[in-house]
Amino acid sequence: MPTVIPLEQRKKRFLEMYRVFRALCEKHDIPFFATGGTAIGVLRHQGFVPWDDDFDVVMLPQDYERFHLIAAEELKGTHYRLLDCADDRDYPRQYPFFADMNTYRQPHARTPIKKKEYLTLGIDIFVYYNVPDDAQTLRPYLRTAWILNHLYYISVSPLIKVPLTNKALRLMSQAIIYVLYGIMKLLPVLRHALVRRWVRFRNRYHNKTSHYAQLLLTKRNNKSYTRKELLPAVWLPFEDVEVPVMKNYEQFLTDVFGDYMQLPPEEQRVGHPSYIIEFLDEPTSEIG
């Protein structure tokens, strides 16, 4: 029976995953850099954020395109796999995922995923896609990204948080969300059409502009960047390895998180929910 794997063991597993991912990127000269909590961990803790265990990286689309092309062949015969909705219309995430297929985690109540192959530990790969260079075109493009991402999430789970204080509006919004989820559940072809729309949308400006942005947007990270602002990455210590962070990491993390070097209040030092996790083998960092 699966049991809750202690946090420190999960961190070790993520480090093994990272070594494989890094070796594959270095073999093919594919740049990447840490983002989110992983980047904060690099700068503030020289390792994982003490109460967390996930691993987030960024690639630019031209680099991810190469990674996507070589991953299937390179990972053949290993227990790692690159998951992407461009390859699998049923895949529940909007972003690619470097999955350790010999792990299992029980689905969270808010995301009722059934397929076991999607319920693994892995590295989140956030691609910063090409976006319009001019602000006037960028703003509506990012609004459309916001809408598509929320529809994508609703197609996976109706348990999306509705940040409205007005009770009547909140209940009405939740009812609409359940109706949309039910329709796409009954008619999977509609969800598949949404996924195809998302894949076309994220690639609309591929190789056509000089600015990049994360399209999985919150109110905190809706800026665009040039390649020169992001790369070359800066390699810094992380646990017993080194991890790259973006070139202008101080400005980026300040833009997104504010004073990222300041520890949050103790009650906010909470990682991901305690999934029931099972390791099906001993991890390995070897890759052909």
C-alpha atoms as a PDB file:
ATOM      1  CA  MET A   1       0.000   0.000   0.000  1.00  0.00           C
ATOM      2  CA  PRO A   2       1.248   3.511  -0.755  1.00  0.00           C
ATOM      3  CA  THR A   3       2.416   5.557   2.214  1.00  0.00           C
ATOM      4  CA  VAL A   4       3.398   9.170   2.737  1.00  0.00           C
ATOM      5  CA  ILE A   5       7.070   9.423   1.752  1.00  0.00           C
ATOM      6  CA  PRO A   6       8.967  11.770   4.113  1.00  0.00           C
ATOM      7  CA  LEU A   7       9.771  15.205   2.660  1.00  0.00           C
ATOM      8  CA  GLU A   8      13.547  14.648   2.708  1.00  0.00           C
ATOM      9  CA  GLN A   9      13.196  11.443   0.677  1.00  0.00           C
ATOM     10  CA  ARG A  10      11.023  13.220  -1.865  1.00  0.00           C
ATOM     11  CA  LYS A  11      13.668  15.947  -2.186  1.00  0.00           C
ATOM     12  CA  LYS A  12      16.312  13.293  -2.903  1.00  0.00           C
ATOM     13  CA  ARG A  13      14.087  11.850  -5.611  1.00  0.00           C
ATOM     14  CA  PHE A  14      13.673  15.267  -7.212  1.00  0.00           C
ATOM     15  CA  LEU A  15      17.451  15.738  -7.194  1.00  0.00           C
ATOM     16  CA  GLU A  16      17.875  12.439  -9.046  1.00  0.00           C
ATOM     17  CA  MET A  17      15.277  13.594 -11.548  1.00  0.00           C
ATOM     18  CA  TYR A  18      17.054  16.910 -11.957  1.00  0.00           C
ATOM     19  CA  ARG A  19      20.398  15.204 -12.635  1.00  0.00           C
ATOM     20  CA  VAL A  20      18.819  13.223 -15.488  1.00  0.00           C
ATOM     21  CA  PHE A  21      17.064  16.302 -16.866  1.00  0.00           C
ATOM     22  CA  ARG A  22      20.235  18.406 -16.658  1.00  0.00           C
ATOM     23  CA  ALA A  23      22.372  15.698 -18.304  1.00  0.00           C
ATOM     24  CA  LEU A  24      19.941  15.517 -21.207  1.00  0.00           C
ATOM     25  CA  CYS A  25      19.921  19.298 -21.646  1.00  0.00           C
ATOM     26  CA  GLU A  26      23.706  19.566 -21.446  1.00  0.00           C
ATOM     27  CA  LYS A  27      24.172  16.709 -23.925  1.00  0.00           C
ATOM     28  CA  HIS A  28      22.186  18.696 -26.514  1.00  0.00           C
ATOM     29  CA  ASP A  29      23.221  22.196 -25.417  1.00  0.00           C
ATOM     30  CA  ILE A  30      19.678  23.156 -24.426  1.00  0.00           C
ATOM     31  CA  PRO A  31      19.523  26.073 -21.956  1.00  0.00           C
ATOM     32  CA  PHE A  32      17.035  26.244 -19.086  1.00  0.00           C
ATOM     33  CA  PHE A  33      16.771  27.992 -15.748  1.00  0.00           C
ATOM     34  CA  ALA A  34      14.968  27.590 -12.438  1.00  0.00           C
ATOM     35  CA  THR A  35      11.881  29.626 -11.641  1.00  0.00           C
ATOM     36  CA  GLY A  36       9.309  30.105  -8.891  1.00  0.00           C
ATOM     37  CA  GLY A  37       9.969  28.406  -5.572  1.00  0.00           C
ATOM     38  CA  THR A  38      12.972  26.566  -6.997  1.00  0.00           C
ATOM     39  CA  ALA A  39      14.673  29.872  -7.871  1.00  0.00           C
ATOM     40  CA  ILE A  40      13.837  31.273  -4.435  1.00  0.00           C
ATOM     41  CA  GLY A  41      15.327  28.117  -2.927  1.00  0.00           C
ATOM     42  CA  VAL A  42      18.536  28.664  -4.888  1.00  0.00           C
ATOM     43  CA  LEU A  43      18.925  32.263  -3.711  1.00  0.00           C
ATOM     44  CA  ARG A  44      17.577  32.105  -0.169  1.00  0.00           C
ATOM     45  CA  HIS A  45      18.398  28.565   0.959  1.00  0.00           C
ATOM     46  CA  GLN A  46      20.992  27.263  -1.516  1.00  0.00           C
ATOM     47  CA  GLY A  47      18.648  24.320  -1.877  1.00  0.00           C
ATOM     48  CA  PHE A  48      14.984  23.430  -1.609  1.00  0.00           C
ATOM     49  CA  VAL A  49      12.678  25.747   0.259  1.00  0.00           C
ATOM     50  CA  PRO A  50      12.630  23.827   3.592  1.00  0.00           C
ATOM     51  CA  TRP A  51       8.895  23.101   3.538  1.00  0.00           C
ATOM     52  CA  ASP A  52       8.613  22.310  -0.173  1.00  0.00           C
ATOM     53  CA  ASP A  53       9.906  19.707  -2.601  1.00  0.00           C
ATOM     54  CA  ASP A  54       8.907  20.513  -6.184  1.00  0.00           C
ATOM     55  CA  PHE A  55      11.137  21.572  -9.072  1.00  0.00           C
ATOM     56  CA  ASP A  56      10.225  24.235 -11.631  1.00  0.00           C
ATOM     57  CA  VAL A  57      12.236  25.239 -14.686  1.00  0.00           C
ATOM     58  CA  VAL A  58      11.805  27.541 -17.673  1.00  0.00           C
ATOM     59  CA  MET A  59      12.747  27.008 -21.309  1.00  0.00           C
ATOM     60  CA  LEU A  60      12.319  29.352 -24.241  1.00  0.00           C
ATOM     61  CA  PRO A  61      10.221  27.904 -27.084  1.00  0.00           C
ATOM     62  CA  GLN A  62      13.064  27.356 -29.551  1.00  0.00           C
ATOM     63  CA  ASP A  63      14.939  25.419 -26.853  1.00  0.00           C
ATOM     64  CA  TYR A  64      11.897  23.456 -25.726  1.00  0.00           C
ATOM     65  CA  GLU A  65      11.189  22.577 -29.360  1.00  0.00           C
ATOM     66  CA  ARG A  66      14.572  20.833 -29.541  1.00  0.00           C
ATOM     67  CA  PHE A  67      14.067  19.206 -26.135  1.00  0.00           C
ATOM     68  CA  HIS A  68      10.673  17.896 -27.231  1.00  0.00           C
ATOM     69  CA  LEU A  69      12.162  16.431 -30.414  1.00  0.00           C
ATOM     70  CA  ILE A  70      14.971  14.502 -28.708  1.00  0.00           C
ATOM     71  CA  ALA A  71      13.236  13.511 -25.458  1.00  0.00           C
ATOM     72  CA  ALA A  72      11.328  10.435 -26.662  1.00  0.00           C
ATOM     73  CA  GLU A  73      14.410   8.806 -28.202  1.00  0.00           C
ATOM     74  CA  GLU A  74      16.793   9.783 -25.406  1.00  0.00           C
ATOM     75  CA  LEU A  75      14.438   8.628 -22.653  1.00  0.00           C
ATOM     76  CA  LYS A  76      13.678   5.307 -24.330  1.00  0.00           C
ATOM     77  CA  GLY A  77      14.428   2.469 -21.910  1.00  0.00           C
ATOM     78  CA  THR A  78      14.344   4.751 -18.853  1.00  0.00           C
ATOM     79  CA  HIS A  79      11.537   5.398 -16.393  1.00  0.00           C
ATOM     80  CA  TYR A  80      11.353   9.066 -17.419  1.00  0.00           C
ATOM     81  CA  ARG A  81       8.934  10.531 -19.921  1.00  0.00           C
ATOM     82  CA  LEU A  82       8.121  13.962 -21.294  1.00  0.00           C
ATOM     83  CA  LEU A  83       4.371  14.675 -21.087  1.00  0.00           C
ATOM     84  CA  ASP A  84       2.836  17.449 -23.197  1.00  0.00           C
ATOM     85  CA  CYS A  85      -0.737  18.167 -24.253  1.00  0.00           C
ATOM     86  CA  ALA A  86       0.572  18.633 -27.808  1.00  0.00           C
ATOM     87  CA  ASP A  87       1.150  14.854 -27.828  1.00  0.00           C
ATOM     88  CA  ASP A  88      -1.728  13.711 -25.623  1.00  0.00           C
ATOM     89  CA  ARG A  89      -5.070  15.549 -25.687  1.00  0.00           C
ATOM     90  CA  ASP A  90      -6.084  13.935 -22.369  1.00  0.00           C
ATOM     91  CA  TYR A  91      -3.009  15.202 -20.544  1.00  0.00           C
ATOM     92  CA  PRO A  92      -4.343  17.427 -17.720  1.00  0.00           C
ATOM     93  CA  ARG A  93      -1.641  20.119 -17.496  1.00  0.00           C
ATOM     94  CA  GLN A  94      -1.266  23.152 -19.773  1.00  0.00           C
ATOM     95  CA  TYR A  95       2.533  22.937 -19.502  1.00  0.00           C
ATOM     96  CA  PRO A  96       5.065  20.154 -20.229  1.00  0.00           C
ATOM     97  CA  PHE A  97       6.103  17.819 -17.432  1.00  0.00           C
ATOM     98  CA  PHE A  98       9.291  15.742 -17.085  1.00  0.00           C
ATOM     99  CA  ALA A  99       7.769  12.753 -15.327  1.00  0.00           C
ATOM    100  CA  ASP A 100       9.311  10.015 -13.201  1.00  0.00           C
ATOM    101  CA  MET A 101       7.020   7.142 -14.197  1.00  0.00           C
ATOM    102  CA  ASN A 102       8.209   4.983 -11.293  1.00  0.00           C
ATOM    103  CA  THR A 103       6.524   7.225  -8.769  1.00  0.00           C
ATOM    104  CA  TYR A 104       2.879   7.529  -7.862  1.00  0.00           C
ATOM    105  CA  ARG A 105       0.995  10.205  -5.974  1.00  0.00           C
ATOM    106  CA  GLN A 106      -2.620  10.125  -4.970  1.00  0.00           C
ATOM    107  CA  PRO A 107      -4.596  12.831  -6.785  1.00  0.00           C
ATOM    108  CA  HIS A 108      -5.465  15.950  -4.842  1.00  0.00           C
ATOM    109  CA  ALA A 109      -9.157  16.405  -4.051  1.00  0.00           C
ATOM    110  CA  ARG A 110      -9.260  19.624  -6.105  1.00  0.00           C
ATOM    111  CA  THR A 111      -7.843  17.893  -9.197  1.00  0.00           C
ATOM    112  CA  PRO A 112      -9.620  14.550  -9.698  1.00  0.00           C
ATOM    113  CA  ILE A 113      -7.219  12.995 -12.215  1.00  0.00           C
ATOM    114  CA  LYS A 114      -7.849   9.296 -12.782  1.00  0.00           C
ATOM    115  CA  LYS A 115      -5.111   8.132 -15.175  1.00  0.00           C
ATOM    116  CA  LYS A 116      -2.219   6.719 -13.152  1.00  0.00           C
ATOM    117  CA  GLU A 117       0.356   7.735 -15.768  1.00  0.00           C
ATOM    118  CA  TYR A 118      -0.460  11.396 -15.022  1.00  0.00           C
ATOM    119  CA  LEU A 119      -0.090  10.915 -11.242  1.00  0.00           C
ATOM    120  CA  THR A 120       3.677  11.022 -10.906  1.00  0.00           C
ATOM    121  CA  LEU A 121       6.331  13.254  -9.463  1.00  0.00           C
ATOM    122  CA  GLY A 122       8.151  15.346 -12.024  1.00  0.00           C
ATOM    123  CA  ILE A 123       9.728  18.610 -13.074  1.00  0.00           C
ATOM    124  CA  ASP A 124       7.361  21.331 -14.258  1.00  0.00           C
ATOM    125  CA  ILE A 125       8.622  22.901 -17.490  1.00  0.00           C
ATOM    126  CA  PHE A 126       7.217  26.397 -17.991  1.00  0.00           C
ATOM    127  CA  VAL A 127       7.873  27.517 -21.538  1.00  0.00           C
ATOM    128  CA  TYR A 128       8.145  31.270 -22.048  1.00  0.00           C
ATOM    129  CA  TYR A 129       6.503  31.515 -25.452  1.00  0.00           C
ATOM    130  CA  ASN A 130       6.987  34.269 -28.016  1.00  0.00           C
ATOM    131  CA  VAL A 131       4.509  37.083 -27.440  1.00  0.00           C
ATOM    132  CA  PRO A 132       3.792  40.387 -29.256  1.00  0.00           C
ATOM    133  CA  ASP A 133       6.581  42.934 -28.990  1.00  0.00           C
ATOM    134  CA  ASP A 134       4.279  45.941 -28.621  1.00  0.00           C
ATOM    135  CA  ALA A 135       2.350  46.490 -25.380  1.00  0.00           C
ATOM    136  CA  GLN A 136      -0.894  47.372 -27.160  1.00  0.00           C
ATOM    137  CA  THR A 137      -1.097  43.934 -28.793  1.00  0.00           C
ATOM    138  CA  LEU A 138       0.404  42.131 -25.791  1.00  0.00           C
ATOM    139  CA  ARG A 139      -2.335  43.102 -23.319  1.00  0.00           C
ATOM    140  CA  PRO A 140      -5.291  41.494 -25.176  1.00  0.00           C
ATOM    141  CA  TYR A 141      -3.120  38.496 -26.037  1.00  0.00           C
ATOM    142  CA  LEU A 142      -2.382  37.899 -22.351  1.00  0.00           C
ATOM    143  CA  ARG A 143      -6.073  38.316 -21.499  1.00  0.00           C
ATOM    144  CA  THR A 144      -6.912  35.588 -24.010  1.00  0.00           C
ATOM    145  CA  ALA A 145      -4.195  33.410 -22.445  1.00  0.00           C
ATOM    146  CA  TRP A 146      -5.840  33.935 -19.048  1.00  0.00           C
ATOM    147  CA  ILE A 147      -9.233  32.851 -20.387  1.00  0.00           C
ATOM    148  CA  LEU A 148      -7.884  29.776 -22.177  1.00  0.00           C
ATOM    149  CA  ASN A 149      -5.915  28.696 -19.122  1.00  0.00           C
ATOM    150  CA  HIS A 150      -8.954  28.937 -16.880  1.00  0.00           C
ATOM    151  CA  LEU A 151     -11.074  26.999 -19.371  1.00  0.00           C
ATOM    152  CA  TYR A 152      -8.309  24.378 -19.553  1.00  0.00           C
ATOM    153  CA  TYR A 153      -8.262  24.069 -15.763  1.00  0.00           C
ATOM    154  CA  ILE A 154     -12.055  23.848 -15.587  1.00  0.00           C
ATOM    155  CA  SER A 155     -11.960  21.011 -18.148  1.00  0.00           C
ATOM    156  CA  VAL A 156      -9.868  19.038 -15.637  1.00  0.00           C
ATOM    157  CA  SER A 157     -11.617  20.018 -12.398  1.00  0.00           C
ATOM    158  CA  PRO A 158     -14.648  22.121 -11.434  1.00  0.00           C
ATOM    159  CA  LEU A 159     -13.089  22.833  -8.027  1.00  0.00           C
ATOM    160  CA  ILE A 160     -11.441  26.041  -9.103  1.00  0.00           C
ATOM    161  CA  LYS A 161     -11.280  28.844  -6.559  1.00  0.00           C
ATOM    162  CA  VAL A 162     -13.514  31.814  -7.374  1.00  0.00           C
ATOM    163  CA  PRO A 163     -12.018  34.937  -5.728  1.00  0.00           C
ATOM    164  CA  LEU A 164     -15.278  36.895  -5.445  1.00  0.00           C
ATOM    165  CA  THR A 165     -16.496  38.407  -2.182  1.00  0.00           C
ATOM    166  CA  ASN A 166     -20.096  38.791  -3.370  1.00  0.00           C
ATOM    167  CA  LYS A 167     -21.766  35.501  -2.397  1.00  0.00           C
ATOM    168  CA  ALA A 168     -24.403  35.586  -5.151  1.00  0.00           C
ATOM    169  CA  LEU A 169     -21.830  36.236  -7.879  1.00  0.00           C
ATOM    170  CA  ARG A 170     -19.527  33.579  -6.454  1.00  0.00           C
ATOM    171  CA  LEU A 171     -22.283  30.941  -6.408  1.00  0.00           C
ATOM    172  CA  MET A 172     -23.360  31.870  -9.928  1.00  0.00           C
ATOM    173  CA  SER A 173     -19.761  31.620 -11.160  1.00  0.00           C
ATOM    174  CA  GLN A 174     -19.329  28.231  -9.488  1.00  0.00           C
ATOM    175  CA  ALA A 175     -22.543  26.981 -11.101  1.00  0.00           C
ATOM    176  CA  ILE A 176     -21.317  28.083 -14.549  1.00  0.00           C
ATOM    177  CA  ILE A 177     -17.982  26.333 -13.898  1.00  0.00           C
ATOM    178  CA  TYR A 178     -19.754  23.065 -12.995  1.00  0.00           C
ATOM    179  CA  VAL A 179     -21.902  23.297 -16.137  1.00  0.00           C
ATOM    180  CA  LEU A 180     -18.821  23.856 -18.345  1.00  0.00           C
ATOM    181  CA  TYR A 181     -16.982  20.979 -16.636  1.00  0.00           C
ATOM    182  CA  GLY A 182     -19.987  18.681 -17.055  1.00  0.00           C
ATOM    183  CA  ILE A 183     -20.366  19.494 -20.743  1.00  0.00           C
ATOM    184  CA  MET A 184     -16.690  18.809 -21.465  1.00  0.00           C
ATOM    185  CA  LYS A 185     -16.837  15.636 -19.371  1.00  0.00           C
ATOM    186  CA  LEU A 186     -19.817  14.363 -21.355  1.00  0.00           C
ATOM    187  CA  LEU A 187     -18.344  15.466 -24.687  1.00  0.00           C
ATOM    188  CA  PRO A 188     -14.546  14.875 -24.584  1.00  0.00           C
ATOM    189  CA  VAL A 189     -14.327  16.146 -28.165  1.00  0.00           C
ATOM    190  CA  LEU A 190     -14.954  19.656 -26.805  1.00  0.00           C
ATOM    191  CA  ARG A 191     -12.067  19.371 -24.367  1.00  0.00           C
ATOM    192  CA  HIS A 192      -9.818  18.025 -27.109  1.00  0.00           C
ATOM    193  CA  ALA A 193     -10.788  21.019 -29.271  1.00  0.00           C
ATOM    194  CA  LEU A 194      -9.877  23.316 -26.367  1.00  0.00           C
ATOM    195  CA  VAL A 195      -6.482  21.628 -26.042  1.00  0.00           C
ATOM    196  CA  ARG A 196      -5.826  22.030 -29.777  1.00  0.00           C
ATOM    197  CA  ARG A 197      -6.826  25.688 -29.500  1.00  0.00           C
ATOM    198  CA  TRP A 198      -4.401  26.178 -26.605  1.00  0.00           C
ATOM    199  CA  VAL A 199      -1.512  24.537 -28.480  1.00  0.00           C
ATOM    200  CA  ARG A 200      -2.137  26.741 -31.551  1.00  0.00           C
ATOM    201  CA  PHE A 201      -2.466  29.825 -29.360  1.00  0.00           C
ATOM    202  CA  ARG A 202       0.769  29.315 -27.447  1.00  0.00           C
ATOM    203  CA  ASN A 203       2.679  28.922 -30.725  1.00  0.00           C
ATOM    204  CA  ARG A 204       1.036  31.833 -32.572  1.00  0.00           C
ATOM    205  CA  TYR A 205       4.129  34.066 -32.440  1.00  0.00           C
ATOM    206  CA  HIS A 206       6.729  31.308 -32.518  1.00  0.00           C
ATOM    207  CA  ASN A 207       9.971  32.696 -34.029  1.00  0.00           C
ATOM    208  CA  LYS A 208       8.103  35.867 -35.078  1.00  0.00           C
ATOM    209  CA  THR A 209       8.890  38.211 -32.164  1.00  0.00           C
ATOM    210  CA  SER A 210      11.755  38.965 -29.779  1.00  0.00           C
ATOM    211  CA  HIS A 211       9.794  38.962 -26.491  1.00  0.00           C
ATOM    212  CA  TYR A 212       8.824  36.014 -24.311  1.00  0.00           C
ATOM    213  CA  ALA A 213       6.349  35.549 -21.481  1.00  0.00           C
ATOM    214  CA  GLN A 214       4.815  32.837 -19.370  1.00  0.00           C
ATOM    215  CA  LEU A 215       1.262  32.318 -20.578  1.00  0.00           C
ATOM    216  CA  LEU A 216       0.121  30.567 -17.387  1.00  0.00           C
ATOM    217  CA  LEU A 217      -0.529  33.985 -15.944  1.00  0.00           C
ATOM    218  CA  THR A 218      -1.340  35.344 -12.545  1.00  0.00           C
ATOM    219  CA  LYS A 219      -1.593  39.034 -11.730  1.00  0.00           C
ATOM    220  CA  ARG A 220       1.989  38.893 -10.484  1.00  0.00           C
ATOM    221  CA  ASN A 221       3.896  37.663 -13.524  1.00  0.00           C
ATOM    222  CA  ASN A 222       2.515  39.211 -16.696  1.00  0.00           C
ATOM    223  CA  LYS A 223       5.704  40.855 -17.967  1.00  0.00           C
ATOM    224  CA  SER A 224       7.552  39.965 -21.139  1.00  0.00           C
ATOM    225  CA  TYR A 225      11.315  39.604 -21.568  1.00  0.00           C
ATOM    226  CA  THR A 226      13.897  39.427 -24.329  1.00  0.00           C
ATOM    227  CA  ARG A 227      16.253  36.466 -24.631  1.00  0.00           C
ATOM    228  CA  LYS A 228      19.147  38.708 -23.574  1.00  0.00           C
ATOM    229  CA  GLU A 229      17.326  39.509 -20.335  1.00  0.00           C
ATOM    230  CA  LEU A 230      16.883  35.810 -19.555  1.00  0.00           C
ATOM    231  CA  LEU A 231      20.044  34.140 -20.842  1.00  0.00           C
ATOM    232  CA  PRO A 232      22.808  33.148 -20.385  1.00  0.00           C
ATOM    233  CA  ALA A 233      21.765  31.643 -17.084  1.00  0.00           C
ATOM    234  CA  VAL A 234      23.791  32.007 -13.890  1.00  0.00           C
ATOM    235  CA  TRP A 235      24.729  28.724 -12.184  1.00  0.00           C
ATOM    236  CA  LEU A 236      24.484  28.696  -8.388  1.00  0.00           C
ATOM    237  CA  PRO A 237      24.730  26.046  -5.624  1.00  0.00           C
ATOM    238  CA  PHE A 238      21.610  24.039  -4.813  1.00  0.00           C
ATOM    239  CA  GLU A 239      21.890  21.209  -2.285  1.00  0.00           C
ATOM    240  CA  ASP A 240      24.792  19.100  -3.651  1.00  0.00           C
ATOM    241  CA  VAL A 241      24.412  20.247  -7.288  1.00  0.00           C
ATOM    242  CA  GLU A 242      24.283  23.506  -9.215  1.00  0.00           C
ATOM    243  CA  VAL A 243      21.126  24.968 -10.715  1.00  0.00           C
ATOM    244  CA  PRO A 244      20.866  27.791 -13.292  1.00  0.00           C
ATOM    245  CA  VAL A 245      18.788  30.889 -12.632  1.00  0.00           C
ATOM    246  CA  MET A 246      17.868  33.526 -15.183  1.00  0.00           C
ATOM    247  CA  LYS A 247      20.395  36.239 -15.989  1.00  0.00           C
ATOM    248  CA  ASN A 248      18.427  39.077 -14.318  1.00  0.00           C
ATOM    249  CA  TYR A 249      17.147  36.887 -11.484  1.00  0.00           C
ATOM    250  CA  GLU A 250      17.076  39.613  -8.821  1.00  0.00           C
ATOM    251  CA  GLN A 251      14.791  41.882 -10.851  1.00  0.00           C
ATOM    252  CA  PHE A 252      12.599  38.995 -11.990  1.00  0.00           C
ATOM    253  CA  LEU A 253      12.061  37.547  -8.509  1.00  0.00           C
ATOM    254  CA  THR A 254      11.413  41.012  -7.084  1.00  0.00           C
ATOM    255  CA  ASP A 255       8.835  41.683  -9.824  1.00  0.00           C
ATOM    256  CA  VAL A 256       7.037  38.420  -9.054  1.00  0.00           C
ATOM    257  CA  PHE A 257       7.498  37.890  -5.305  1.00  0.00           C
ATOM    258  CA  GLY A 258       8.571  41.227  -3.846  1.00  0.00           C
ATOM    259  CA  ASP A 259      11.186  40.790  -1.096  1.00  0.00           C
ATOM    260  CA  TYR A 260      11.899  37.162  -1.948  1.00  0.00           C
ATOM    261  CA  MET A 261      14.793  36.925   0.548  1.00  0.00           C
ATOM    262  CA  GLN A 262      12.393  37.562   3.442  1.00  0.00           C
ATOM    263  CA  LEU A 263      10.896  34.414   4.964  1.00  0.00           C
ATOM    264  CA  PRO A 264       7.078  34.364   4.836  1.00  0.00           C
ATOM    265  CA  PRO A 265       5.089  34.274   8.089  1.00  0.00           C
ATOM    266  CA  GLU A 266       5.282  30.873   9.747  1.00  0.00           C
ATOM    267  CA  GLU A 267       1.640  30.045   8.995  1.00  0.00           C
ATOM    268  CA  GLN A 268       2.376  30.490   5.259  1.00  0.00           C
ATOM    269  CA  ARG A 269       5.319  28.098   5.238  1.00  0.00           C
ATOM    270  CA  VAL A 270       3.277  25.318   3.721  1.00  0.00           C
ATOM    271  CA  GLY A 271       4.318  23.160   0.789  1.00  0.00           C
ATOM    272  CA  HIS A 272       2.183  21.107  -1.526  1.00  0.00           C
ATOM    273  CA  PRO A 273      -0.553  18.969   0.038  1.00  0.00           C
ATOM    274  CA  SER A 274       0.678  15.705   1.570  1.00  0.00           C
ATOM    275  CA  TYR A 275      -0.107  13.386  -1.292  1.00  0.00           C
ATOM    276  CA  ILE A 276       0.211   9.700  -0.629  1.00  0.00           C
ATOM    277  CA  ILE A 277       3.344   8.920  -2.622  1.00  0.00           C
ATOM    278  CA  GLU A 278       4.916   5.633  -3.614  1.00  0.00           C
ATOM    279  CA  PHE A 279       8.365   4.996  -5.079  1.00  0.00           C
ATOM    280  CA  LEU A 280       8.215   1.934  -7.306  1.00  0.00           C
ATOM    281  CA  ASP A 281      11.959   1.486  -7.625  1.00  0.00           C
ATOM    282  CA  GLU A 282      15.312   2.922  -6.605  1.00  0.00           C
ATOM    283  CA  PRO A 283      16.066   6.171  -8.494  1.00  0.00           C
ATOM    284  CA  THR A 284      18.914   6.366 -10.987  1.00  0.00           C
ATOM    285  CA  SER A 285      20.683   9.325 -12.543  1.00  0.00           C
ATOM    286  CA  GLU A 286      22.001   7.404 -15.557  1.00  0.00           C
ATOM    287  CA  ILE A 287      20.990   8.291 -19.075  1.00  0.00           C
ATOM    288  CA  GLY A 288      22.292   6.968 -22.354  1.00  0.00           C
END
